[in-house]
C-alpha atoms as a PDB file:
ATOM      1  CA  MET A   1     -10.979  19.752 -25.038  1.00  0.00           C
ATOM      2  CA  LYS A   2     -10.992  16.125 -24.587  1.00  0.00           C
ATOM      3  CA  LYS A   3      -9.841  14.607 -21.451  1.00  0.00           C
ATOM      4  CA  ALA A   4      -9.761  10.624 -20.956  1.00  0.00           C
ATOM      5  CA  ILE A   5      -9.259   8.299 -18.123  1.00  0.00           C
ATOM      6  CA  LEU A   6      -7.424   4.734 -19.385  1.00  0.00           C
ATOM      7  CA  PHE A   7      -8.002   2.013 -17.299  1.00  0.00           C
ATOM      8  CA  ASP A   8      -5.913  -1.095 -16.758  1.00  0.00           C
ATOM      9  CA  LEU A   9      -8.504  -4.292 -16.453  1.00  0.00           C
ATOM     10  CA  ASP A  10      -7.594  -7.339 -14.325  1.00  0.00           C
ATOM     11  CA  GLY A  11      -7.624  -6.272 -10.790  1.00  0.00           C
ATOM     12  CA  THR A  12      -8.680  -2.851 -11.804  1.00  0.00           C
ATOM     13  CA  LEU A  13     -11.937  -3.095 -13.464  1.00  0.00           C
ATOM     14  CA  ILE A  14     -12.375  -6.560 -12.832  1.00  0.00           C
ATOM     15  CA  HIS A  15     -11.710  -9.103 -10.372  1.00  0.00           C
ATOM     16  CA  SER A  16     -10.717 -12.037 -12.398  1.00  0.00           C
ATOM     17  CA  LEU A  17      -8.173 -13.950  -9.985  1.00  0.00           C
ATOM     18  CA  PRO A  18     -10.050 -16.533  -9.729  1.00  0.00           C
ATOM     19  CA  GLU A  19     -10.927 -17.659 -13.089  1.00  0.00           C
ATOM     20  CA  ILE A  20      -7.386 -17.005 -14.199  1.00  0.00           C
ATOM     21  CA  ALA A  21      -6.091 -18.752 -11.139  1.00  0.00           C
ATOM     22  CA  ALA A  22      -8.624 -22.359 -12.375  1.00  0.00           C
ATOM     23  CA  ALA A  23      -7.557 -22.297 -15.605  1.00  0.00           C
ATOM     24  CA  ALA A  24      -4.208 -22.338 -15.217  1.00  0.00           C
ATOM     25  CA  ASN A  25      -4.405 -25.065 -12.355  1.00  0.00           C
ATOM     26  CA  ARG A  26      -6.514 -26.860 -14.589  1.00  0.00           C
ATOM     27  CA  MET A  27      -3.636 -26.943 -17.319  1.00  0.00           C
ATOM     28  CA  LEU A  28      -0.984 -27.927 -14.981  1.00  0.00           C
ATOM     29  CA  ARG A  29      -3.493 -30.771 -13.139  1.00  0.00           C
ATOM     30  CA  GLU A  30      -3.588 -32.007 -16.552  1.00  0.00           C
ATOM     31  CA  ARG A  31      -0.243 -32.418 -17.157  1.00  0.00           C
ATOM     32  CA  GLY A  32       0.584 -33.614 -13.674  1.00  0.00           C
ATOM     33  CA  TYR A  33       2.299 -30.538 -12.966  1.00  0.00           C
ATOM     34  CA  PRO A  34       2.101 -29.172  -9.278  1.00  0.00           C
ATOM     35  CA  GLU A  35      -0.981 -26.679  -8.934  1.00  0.00           C
ATOM     36  CA  LYS A  36      -0.444 -23.511  -7.321  1.00  0.00           C
ATOM     37  CA  PRO A  37      -2.526 -21.486  -4.680  1.00  0.00           C
ATOM     38  CA  GLU A  38      -5.071 -19.028  -6.223  1.00  0.00           C
ATOM     39  CA  ASP A  39      -3.386 -15.892  -3.871  1.00  0.00           C
ATOM     40  CA  GLU A  40       0.022 -16.866  -5.848  1.00  0.00           C
ATOM     41  CA  TYR A  41      -1.247 -16.273  -9.362  1.00  0.00           C
ATOM     42  CA  ARG A  42      -1.619 -12.251  -8.242  1.00  0.00           C
ATOM     43  CA  TYR A  43       2.174 -12.140  -8.491  1.00  0.00           C
ATOM     44  CA  LEU A  44       2.113 -13.840 -11.972  1.00  0.00           C
ATOM     45  CA  VAL A  45      -0.761 -11.644 -14.002  1.00  0.00           C
ATOM     46  CA  GLY A  46      -0.370  -8.090 -15.482  1.00  0.00           C
ATOM     47  CA  ARG A  47       2.511  -8.658 -18.260  1.00  0.00           C
ATOM     48  CA  GLY A  48       0.062 -11.169 -20.653  1.00  0.00           C
ATOM     49  CA  ALA A  49      -0.899 -14.982 -20.616  1.00  0.00           C
ATOM     50  CA  ARG A  50       2.583 -16.106 -22.211  1.00  0.00           C
ATOM     51  CA  LEU A  51       4.500 -14.921 -19.216  1.00  0.00           C
ATOM     52  CA  LEU A  52       1.647 -16.125 -16.563  1.00  0.00           C
ATOM     53  CA  VAL A  53       2.203 -20.044 -17.978  1.00  0.00           C
ATOM     54  CA  SER A  54       6.126 -19.488 -18.432  1.00  0.00           C
ATOM     55  CA  GLU A  55       6.048 -18.486 -14.552  1.00  0.00           C
ATOM     56  CA  ALA A  56       3.270 -21.303 -13.780  1.00  0.00           C
ATOM     57  CA  LEU A  57       4.965 -24.116 -14.954  1.00  0.00           C
ATOM     58  CA  PRO A  58       7.803 -26.035 -13.692  1.00  0.00           C
ATOM     59  CA  GLN A  59      11.034 -24.755 -15.419  1.00  0.00           C
ATOM     60  CA  ASN A  60      11.955 -27.585 -17.901  1.00  0.00           C
ATOM     61  CA  ALA A  61       8.479 -27.435 -18.875  1.00  0.00           C
ATOM     62  CA  ALA A  62       8.596 -23.792 -19.784  1.00  0.00           C
ATOM     63  CA  ALA A  63      12.205 -23.999 -21.307  1.00  0.00           C
ATOM     64  CA  ASN A  64      10.855 -26.823 -23.923  1.00  0.00           C
ATOM     65  CA  PRO A  65       8.729 -24.586 -26.865  1.00  0.00           C
ATOM     66  CA  LEU A  66       6.758 -27.489 -27.660  1.00  0.00           C
ATOM     67  CA  LEU A  67       5.464 -27.716 -24.208  1.00  0.00           C
ATOM     68  CA  PHE A  68       4.757 -24.341 -23.591  1.00  0.00           C
ATOM     69  CA  GLU A  69       3.059 -23.576 -26.679  1.00  0.00           C
ATOM     70  CA  GLU A  70       0.738 -26.325 -26.052  1.00  0.00           C
ATOM     71  CA  ALA A  71       0.345 -25.612 -22.531  1.00  0.00           C
ATOM     72  CA  LEU A  72      -0.567 -22.021 -23.071  1.00  0.00           C
ATOM     73  CA  SER A  73      -3.143 -22.776 -25.872  1.00  0.00           C
ATOM     74  CA  ALA A  74      -4.525 -25.220 -22.897  1.00  0.00           C
ATOM     75  CA  TYR A  75      -4.671 -21.929 -20.818  1.00  0.00           C
ATOM     76  CA  ILE A  76      -5.870 -19.634 -23.373  1.00  0.00           C
ATOM     77  CA  GLN A  77      -8.904 -22.231 -23.960  1.00  0.00           C
ATOM     78  CA  TYR A  78      -9.763 -22.736 -20.462  1.00  0.00           C
ATOM     79  CA  TYR A  79      -9.843 -19.150 -19.455  1.00  0.00           C
ATOM     80  CA  ASP A  80     -11.884 -18.412 -22.270  1.00  0.00           C
ATOM     81  CA  GLN A  81     -14.175 -20.762 -21.040  1.00  0.00           C
ATOM     82  CA  THR A  82     -14.813 -18.910 -17.968  1.00  0.00           C
ATOM     83  CA  LEU A  83     -14.142 -15.353 -19.316  1.00  0.00           C
ATOM     84  CA  ALA A  84     -17.456 -14.246 -18.707  1.00  0.00           C
ATOM     85  CA  ASP A  85     -17.587 -15.160 -14.843  1.00  0.00           C
ATOM     86  CA  SER A  86     -15.229 -12.401 -13.651  1.00  0.00           C
ATOM     87  CA  GLN A  87     -16.920  -9.643 -12.302  1.00  0.00           C
ATOM     88  CA  PRO A  88     -16.618  -5.857 -11.816  1.00  0.00           C
ATOM     89  CA  TYR A  89     -15.339  -4.869  -8.045  1.00  0.00           C
ATOM     90  CA  GLU A  90     -18.100  -3.347  -6.333  1.00  0.00           C
ATOM     91  CA  GLY A  91     -18.623   0.610  -7.252  1.00  0.00           C
ATOM     92  CA  ILE A  92     -16.686   0.435 -10.393  1.00  0.00           C
ATOM     93  CA  SER A  93     -20.050   0.747 -12.641  1.00  0.00           C
ATOM     94  CA  ASP A  94     -21.258   4.080 -10.695  1.00  0.00           C
ATOM     95  CA  MET A  95     -17.915   5.246 -10.966  1.00  0.00           C
ATOM     96  CA  LEU A  96     -17.563   4.947 -14.873  1.00  0.00           C
ATOM     97  CA  ASP A  97     -21.205   6.460 -15.380  1.00  0.00           C
ATOM     98  CA  GLU A  98     -20.549   9.508 -12.857  1.00  0.00           C
ATOM     99  CA  LEU A  99     -16.730   9.442 -15.308  1.00  0.00           C
ATOM    100  CA  LYS A 100     -19.148   9.528 -18.157  1.00  0.00           C
ATOM    101  CA  ARG A 101     -21.641  12.286 -17.083  1.00  0.00           C
ATOM    102  CA  ALA A 102     -18.460  14.588 -16.518  1.00  0.00           C
ATOM    103  CA  GLY A 103     -17.583  14.401 -19.923  1.00  0.00           C
ATOM    104  CA  TYR A 104     -14.763  12.259 -19.790  1.00  0.00           C
ATOM    105  CA  LEU A 105     -13.390   9.529 -22.160  1.00  0.00           C
ATOM    106  CA  LEU A 106     -13.350   6.114 -21.218  1.00  0.00           C
ATOM    107  CA  ALA A 107     -10.591   3.502 -22.235  1.00  0.00           C
ATOM    108  CA  VAL A 108      -9.156   0.194 -21.412  1.00  0.00           C
ATOM    109  CA  ALA A 109      -5.082  -0.621 -22.209  1.00  0.00           C
ATOM    110  CA  SER A 110      -4.829  -4.120 -21.195  1.00  0.00           C
ATOM    111  CA  ASN A 111      -1.899  -6.871 -21.392  1.00  0.00           C
ATOM    112  CA  LYS A 112      -4.919  -9.798 -21.659  1.00  0.00           C
ATOM    113  CA  ARG A 113      -5.250 -10.489 -25.153  1.00  0.00           C
ATOM    114  CA  ASP A 114      -7.529  -7.873 -27.338  1.00  0.00           C
ATOM    115  CA  GLN A 115     -10.271 -10.248 -28.226  1.00  0.00           C
ATOM    116  CA  MET A 116     -10.895 -11.447 -24.692  1.00  0.00           C
ATOM    117  CA  SER A 117     -10.659  -7.521 -23.173  1.00  0.00           C
ATOM    118  CA  LYS A 118     -13.279  -6.282 -25.840  1.00  0.00           C
ATOM    119  CA  ARG A 119     -15.554  -9.385 -24.582  1.00  0.00           C
ATOM    120  CA  LEU A 120     -15.004  -9.131 -21.008  1.00  0.00           C
ATOM    121  CA  VAL A 121     -15.723  -5.396 -20.700  1.00  0.00           C
ATOM    122  CA  GLN A 122     -18.691  -5.403 -23.300  1.00  0.00           C
ATOM    123  CA  THR A 123     -20.276  -7.998 -21.067  1.00  0.00           C
ATOM    124  CA  ALA A 124     -19.272  -6.212 -17.736  1.00  0.00           C
ATOM    125  CA  PHE A 125     -20.093  -2.929 -18.779  1.00  0.00           C
ATOM    126  CA  GLY A 126     -22.093  -2.732 -22.143  1.00  0.00           C
ATOM    127  CA  ALA A 127     -21.094   0.416 -24.038  1.00  0.00           C
ATOM    128  CA  ARG A 128     -19.669   2.442 -21.231  1.00  0.00           C
ATOM    129  CA  PHE A 129     -16.265   2.401 -22.635  1.00  0.00           C
ATOM    130  CA  ASP A 130     -15.086   4.452 -25.865  1.00  0.00           C
ATOM    131  CA  ARG A 131     -12.296   2.485 -26.363  1.00  0.00           C
ATOM    132  CA  VAL A 132     -11.005  -0.953 -25.478  1.00  0.00           C
ATOM    133  CA  GLU A 133      -7.639  -2.374 -26.648  1.00  0.00           C
ATOM    134  CA  GLY A 134      -5.489  -5.780 -25.693  1.00  0.00           C
ATOM    135  CA  GLU A 135      -2.599  -7.281 -26.195  1.00  0.00           C
ATOM    136  CA  GLN A 136      -1.771  -7.174 -30.456  1.00  0.00           C
ATOM    137  CA  PRO A 137       0.382  -8.425 -32.775  1.00  0.00           C
ATOM    138  CA  GLY A 138       3.060  -5.871 -33.489  1.00  0.00           C
ATOM    139  CA  ILE A 139       2.359  -3.253 -30.097  1.00  0.00           C
ATOM    140  CA  PRO A 140       4.814  -3.771 -27.131  1.00  0.00           C
ATOM    141  CA  ALA A 141       3.240  -4.770 -23.882  1.00  0.00           C
ATOM    142  CA  LYS A 142       2.870  -2.737 -20.999  1.00  0.00           C
ATOM    143  CA  PRO A 143       4.427  -1.091 -19.545  1.00  0.00           C
ATOM    144  CA  ASP A 144       5.591  -0.099 -22.659  1.00  0.00           C
ATOM    145  CA  PRO A 145       3.171   2.756 -23.356  1.00  0.00           C
ATOM    146  CA  ALA A 146       2.713   2.664 -27.188  1.00  0.00           C
ATOM    147  CA  LEU A 147      -1.069   0.880 -26.843  1.00  0.00           C
ATOM    148  CA  SER A 148      -1.803   3.720 -24.643  1.00  0.00           C
ATOM    149  CA  LEU A 149      -0.781   6.427 -26.551  1.00  0.00           C
ATOM    150  CA  LEU A 150      -2.229   4.551 -29.533  1.00  0.00           C
ATOM    151  CA  ILE A 151      -5.468   4.488 -27.785  1.00  0.00           C
ATOM    152  CA  LEU A 152      -4.979   8.171 -27.132  1.00  0.00           C
ATOM    153  CA  SER A 153      -4.101   9.449 -30.205  1.00  0.00           C
ATOM    154  CA  GLU A 154      -7.325   7.838 -31.971  1.00  0.00           C
ATOM    155  CA  LEU A 155      -9.466   9.230 -29.104  1.00  0.00           C
ATOM    156  CA  GLY A 156      -7.699  12.764 -29.984  1.00  0.00           C
ATOM    157  CA  VAL A 157      -6.649  13.404 -26.667  1.00  0.00           C
ATOM    158  CA  THR A 158      -3.769  14.631 -25.530  1.00  0.00           C
ATOM    159  CA  ARG A 159      -1.045  12.900 -23.062  1.00  0.00           C
ATOM    160  CA  GLU A 160      -1.685  15.576 -20.464  1.00  0.00           C
ATOM    161  CA  ASN A 161      -5.320  15.391 -20.460  1.00  0.00           C
ATOM    162  CA  CYS A 162      -5.031  11.937 -19.090  1.00  0.00           C
ATOM    163  CA  VAL A 163      -5.248   9.798 -16.187  1.00  0.00           C
ATOM    164  CA  PHE A 164      -4.257   5.990 -16.108  1.00  0.00           C
ATOM    165  CA  ILE A 165      -5.534   4.277 -13.372  1.00  0.00           C
ATOM    166  CA  GLY A 166      -4.079   0.767 -12.803  1.00  0.00           C
ATOM    167  CA  ASP A 167      -3.185  -1.818  -9.824  1.00  0.00           C
ATOM    168  CA  THR A 168       0.762  -2.685  -9.916  1.00  0.00           C
ATOM    169  CA  SER A 169       3.895  -1.215 -10.588  1.00  0.00           C
ATOM    170  CA  VAL A 170       3.163  -2.356 -14.319  1.00  0.00           C
ATOM    171  CA  ASP A 171       0.253   0.302 -14.895  1.00  0.00           C
ATOM    172  CA  MET A 172       2.519   2.841 -13.122  1.00  0.00           C
ATOM    173  CA  GLU A 173       5.264   2.327 -15.146  1.00  0.00           C
ATOM    174  CA  THR A 174       3.167   2.252 -18.201  1.00  0.00           C
ATOM    175  CA  ALA A 175       1.739   5.678 -16.947  1.00  0.00           C
ATOM    176  CA  ILE A 176       5.191   7.122 -16.342  1.00  0.00           C
ATOM    177  CA  ASN A 177       6.576   5.927 -19.781  1.00  0.00           C
ATOM    178  CA  GLY A 178       4.519   7.527 -21.637  1.00  0.00           C
ATOM    179  CA  GLY A 179       3.661  11.094 -19.812  1.00  0.00           C
ATOM    180  CA  LEU A 180       0.393  10.075 -18.186  1.00  0.00           C
ATOM    181  CA  TYR A 181      -0.473  10.723 -14.575  1.00  0.00           C
ATOM    182  CA  PRO A 182      -0.332   7.281 -12.628  1.00  0.00           C
ATOM    183  CA  LEU A 183      -3.636   6.930 -10.131  1.00  0.00           C
ATOM    184  CA  GLY A 184      -3.475   3.553  -8.207  1.00  0.00           C
ATOM    185  CA  VAL A 185      -6.229   1.463  -6.787  1.00  0.00           C
ATOM    186  CA  ALA A 186      -5.685  -0.591  -3.779  1.00  0.00           C
ATOM    187  CA  TRP A 187      -8.115  -3.153  -4.182  1.00  0.00           C
ATOM    188  CA  GLY A 188      -6.346  -4.830  -6.831  1.00  0.00           C
ATOM    189  CA  PHE A 189      -3.706  -7.178  -6.998  1.00  0.00           C
ATOM    190  CA  ARG A 190      -0.371  -5.847  -5.781  1.00  0.00           C
ATOM    191  CA  PRO A 191      -0.927  -2.710  -4.275  1.00  0.00           C
ATOM    192  CA  TRP A 192       2.056  -2.580  -2.233  1.00  0.00           C
ATOM    193  CA  GLU A 193       3.958  -2.261  -5.384  1.00  0.00           C
ATOM    194  CA  LEU A 194       1.903   1.252  -6.382  1.00  0.00           C
ATOM    195  CA  ALA A 195       3.650   4.101  -4.458  1.00  0.00           C
ATOM    196  CA  VAL A 196       7.438   2.369  -5.568  1.00  0.00           C
ATOM    197  CA  ALA A 197       6.436   2.164  -9.144  1.00  0.00           C
ATOM    198  CA  GLY A 198       5.843   5.928  -9.051  1.00  0.00           C
ATOM    199  CA  ALA A 199       1.819   6.243  -8.342  1.00  0.00           C
ATOM    200  CA  LYS A 200       0.984  10.132  -7.526  1.00  0.00           C
ATOM    201  CA  ARG A 201      -2.022   8.863  -5.467  1.00  0.00           C
ATOM    202  CA  VAL A 202      -3.489   5.576  -4.237  1.00  0.00           C
ATOM    203  CA  VAL A 203      -6.984   5.133  -3.666  1.00  0.00           C
ATOM    204  CA  ASP A 204      -9.474   2.911  -1.220  1.00  0.00           C
ATOM    205  CA  HIS A 205     -12.658   3.034  -3.339  1.00  0.00           C
ATOM    206  CA  PRO A 206     -13.821   3.403  -6.888  1.00  0.00           C
ATOM    207  CA  TRP A 207     -15.511   7.063  -5.652  1.00  0.00           C
ATOM    208  CA  GLU A 208     -12.575   8.756  -4.746  1.00  0.00           C
ATOM    209  CA  VAL A 209     -11.414   8.299  -8.335  1.00  0.00           C
ATOM    210  CA  LEU A 210     -14.132  10.967  -9.319  1.00  0.00           C
ATOM    211  CA  GLY A 211     -12.982  13.768  -7.020  1.00  0.00           C
ATOM    212  CA  ILE A 212      -9.267  13.274  -8.246  1.00  0.00           C
ATOM    213  CA  VAL A 213     -10.041  13.064 -11.638  1.00  0.00           C
ATOM    214  CA  ALA A 214     -11.930  16.162 -11.515  1.00  0.00           C
ATOM    215  CA  GLU A 215      -8.775  17.658  -9.386  1.00  0.00           C
ATOM    216  CA  ILE A 216      -6.288  16.525 -12.055  1.00  0.00           C
ATOM    217  CA  LEU A 217      -7.585  17.169 -15.282  1.00  0.00           C
ATOM    218  CA  GLY A 218     -10.720  19.420 -14.182  1.00  0.00           C
END
């Protein structure tokens, strides 16, 4: 029987906040808008680039379709230039190796753009993942479970045999909406959201994932 672990990307596997903040602030600075402290961006990530840029821009600029689309394009361009600079959290690669050795299928379901997600995961983790999917036309973003369930279908795994691991309420809601086991990680962007959003367990270190996954999935 196939069993799978689905992971969020930003804040779960990869510490990407510095690169996201730098790209967004460059976009704001070049347009004469106030920049934001890096830490403020942890509240804006998780629901895709469009929402992040909309919330980063001043309200009048975000409401102007031409200004917004131009700013979004610039942010994506700037972020793409430093995408590969983001590094895995300590212990993540070793955890993934142990999960693979235990026979689990590994996948990423992200609201980051699809090609960016694939490139970042390939750069950081090589061929450790069996499937990587990001934001795509026609597929609703998380917390809609459509992308996660598509991945499971393609891997041949039932939802009862899957754990979804993430760092924000978006991820926990995605898991619950899809009938997956919601497991939160406390090292990410918004750990205070996890329990309230329905995480059944929250781990402090990657090595804790191994025992919990074995307990849940066998």
